[in-house]
Amino acid sequence: MDTFEKIGYLCLGAVALIYVGSMFVVGTRVGWLGGLVGLLIVLGIGVLLIKVVRERRGSAEDDYYVRNIDK
């Protein structure tokens, strides 16, 4: 991973945190249940995203196809 890729991921992470924070604030203005539902949705998506990334990084079969199959 090069420096530009790290900077890109850092920026995307910052935007995601700001988005989640603003979603929670707006949701709590509607009511405590709105904030809780929004938070649960974002947490669920985040957990699934982390699961997918971990599975991809640990897959030797995917690495083989990425390296050896012509595009």
C-alpha atoms as a PDB file:
ATOM      1  CA  MET A   1       0.000   0.000   0.000  1.00  0.00           C
ATOM      2  CA  ASP A   2       1.548   3.289  -1.055  1.00  0.00           C
ATOM      3  CA  THR A   3       1.289   6.693   0.612  1.00  0.00           C
ATOM      4  CA  PHE A   4      -1.479   8.023  -1.632  1.00  0.00           C
ATOM      5  CA  GLU A   5      -3.634   4.976  -0.939  1.00  0.00           C
ATOM      6  CA  LYS A   6      -3.162   5.452   2.811  1.00  0.00           C
ATOM      7  CA  ILE A   7      -4.109   9.128   2.531  1.00  0.00           C
ATOM      8  CA  GLY A   8      -7.177   8.182   0.486  1.00  0.00           C
ATOM      9  CA  TYR A   9      -8.326   5.638   3.082  1.00  0.00           C
ATOM     10  CA  LEU A  10      -7.691   8.137   5.867  1.00  0.00           C
ATOM     11  CA  CYS A  11      -9.848  10.752   4.123  1.00  0.00           C
ATOM     12  CA  LEU A  12     -12.623   8.234   3.479  1.00  0.00           C
ATOM     13  CA  GLY A  13     -12.510   7.154   7.106  1.00  0.00           C
ATOM     14  CA  ALA A  14     -12.772  10.755   8.286  1.00  0.00           C
ATOM     15  CA  VAL A  15     -15.764  11.367   6.015  1.00  0.00           C
ATOM     16  CA  ALA A  16     -17.429   8.176   7.284  1.00  0.00           C
ATOM     17  CA  LEU A  17     -16.958   9.261  10.912  1.00  0.00           C
ATOM     18  CA  ILE A  18     -18.389  12.716  10.207  1.00  0.00           C
ATOM     19  CA  TYR A  19     -21.337  11.139   8.369  1.00  0.00           C
ATOM     20  CA  VAL A  20     -22.074   8.716  11.212  1.00  0.00           C
ATOM     21  CA  GLY A  21     -21.809  11.495  13.773  1.00  0.00           C
ATOM     22  CA  SER A  22     -24.144  13.792  11.877  1.00  0.00           C
ATOM     23  CA  MET A  23     -26.603  10.934  11.313  1.00  0.00           C
ATOM     24  CA  PHE A  24     -26.661  10.244  15.035  1.00  0.00           C
ATOM     25  CA  VAL A  25     -27.156  13.927  15.919  1.00  0.00           C
ATOM     26  CA  VAL A  26     -30.001  14.356  13.436  1.00  0.00           C
ATOM     27  CA  GLY A  27     -31.562  11.090  14.553  1.00  0.00           C
ATOM     28  CA  THR A  28     -31.575  12.151  18.199  1.00  0.00           C
ATOM     29  CA  ARG A  29     -33.325  15.412  17.268  1.00  0.00           C
ATOM     30  CA  VAL A  30     -36.167  13.328  15.895  1.00  0.00           C
ATOM     31  CA  GLY A  31     -36.147  11.206  19.036  1.00  0.00           C
ATOM     32  CA  TRP A  32     -33.872   8.834  20.892  1.00  0.00           C
ATOM     33  CA  LEU A  33     -35.241   5.895  18.922  1.00  0.00           C
ATOM     34  CA  GLY A  34     -34.332   7.530  15.595  1.00  0.00           C
ATOM     35  CA  GLY A  35     -30.736   7.969  16.697  1.00  0.00           C
ATOM     36  CA  LEU A  36     -30.551   4.406  17.960  1.00  0.00           C
ATOM     37  CA  VAL A  37     -31.960   2.936  14.748  1.00  0.00           C
ATOM     38  CA  GLY A  38     -29.557   4.982  12.598  1.00  0.00           C
ATOM     39  CA  LEU A  39     -26.625   3.947  14.764  1.00  0.00           C
ATOM     40  CA  LEU A  40     -27.572   0.270  14.555  1.00  0.00           C
ATOM     41  CA  ILE A  41     -27.855   0.466  10.773  1.00  0.00           C
ATOM     42  CA  VAL A  42     -24.426   2.042  10.407  1.00  0.00           C
ATOM     43  CA  LEU A  43     -22.848  -0.390  12.886  1.00  0.00           C
ATOM     44  CA  GLY A  44     -24.355  -3.363  11.041  1.00  0.00           C
ATOM     45  CA  ILE A  45     -23.025  -2.187   7.690  1.00  0.00           C
ATOM     46  CA  GLY A  46     -19.626  -1.468   9.225  1.00  0.00           C
ATOM     47  CA  VAL A  47     -19.363  -4.928  10.794  1.00  0.00           C
ATOM     48  CA  LEU A  48     -20.263  -6.600   7.496  1.00  0.00           C
ATOM     49  CA  LEU A  49     -17.727  -4.455   5.638  1.00  0.00           C
ATOM     50  CA  ILE A  50     -14.991  -5.413   8.091  1.00  0.00           C
ATOM     51  CA  LYS A  51     -15.931  -9.093   7.683  1.00  0.00           C
ATOM     52  CA  VAL A  52     -15.670  -8.881   3.889  1.00  0.00           C
ATOM     53  CA  VAL A  53     -12.287  -7.136   4.002  1.00  0.00           C
ATOM     54  CA  ARG A  54     -10.878  -9.696   6.464  1.00  0.00           C
ATOM     55  CA  GLU A  55     -12.097 -12.617   4.357  1.00  0.00           C
ATOM     56  CA  ARG A  56     -10.595 -11.102   1.209  1.00  0.00           C
ATOM     57  CA  ARG A  57      -7.224 -10.448   2.826  1.00  0.00           C
ATOM     58  CA  GLY A  58      -7.034 -14.027   4.111  1.00  0.00           C
ATOM     59  CA  SER A  59      -7.981 -15.774   0.879  1.00  0.00           C
ATOM     60  CA  ALA A  60      -5.062 -17.400  -0.932  1.00  0.00           C
ATOM     61  CA  GLU A  61      -7.353 -18.450  -3.791  1.00  0.00           C
ATOM     62  CA  ASP A  62      -8.374 -14.829  -4.506  1.00  0.00           C
ATOM     63  CA  ASP A  63      -4.721 -13.762  -4.401  1.00  0.00           C
ATOM     64  CA  TYR A  64      -3.846 -16.440  -6.951  1.00  0.00           C
ATOM     65  CA  TYR A  65      -6.499 -15.240  -9.388  1.00  0.00           C
ATOM     66  CA  VAL A  66      -5.545 -11.593  -8.949  1.00  0.00           C
ATOM     67  CA  ARG A  67      -1.890 -12.359  -9.738  1.00  0.00           C
ATOM     68  CA  ASN A  68      -2.172 -15.036 -12.427  1.00  0.00           C
ATOM     69  CA  ILE A  69      -5.316 -14.441 -14.475  1.00  0.00           C
ATOM     70  CA  ASP A  70      -5.071 -11.953 -17.342  1.00  0.00           C
ATOM     71  CA  LYS A  71      -7.554  -9.117 -17.269  1.00  0.00           C
END
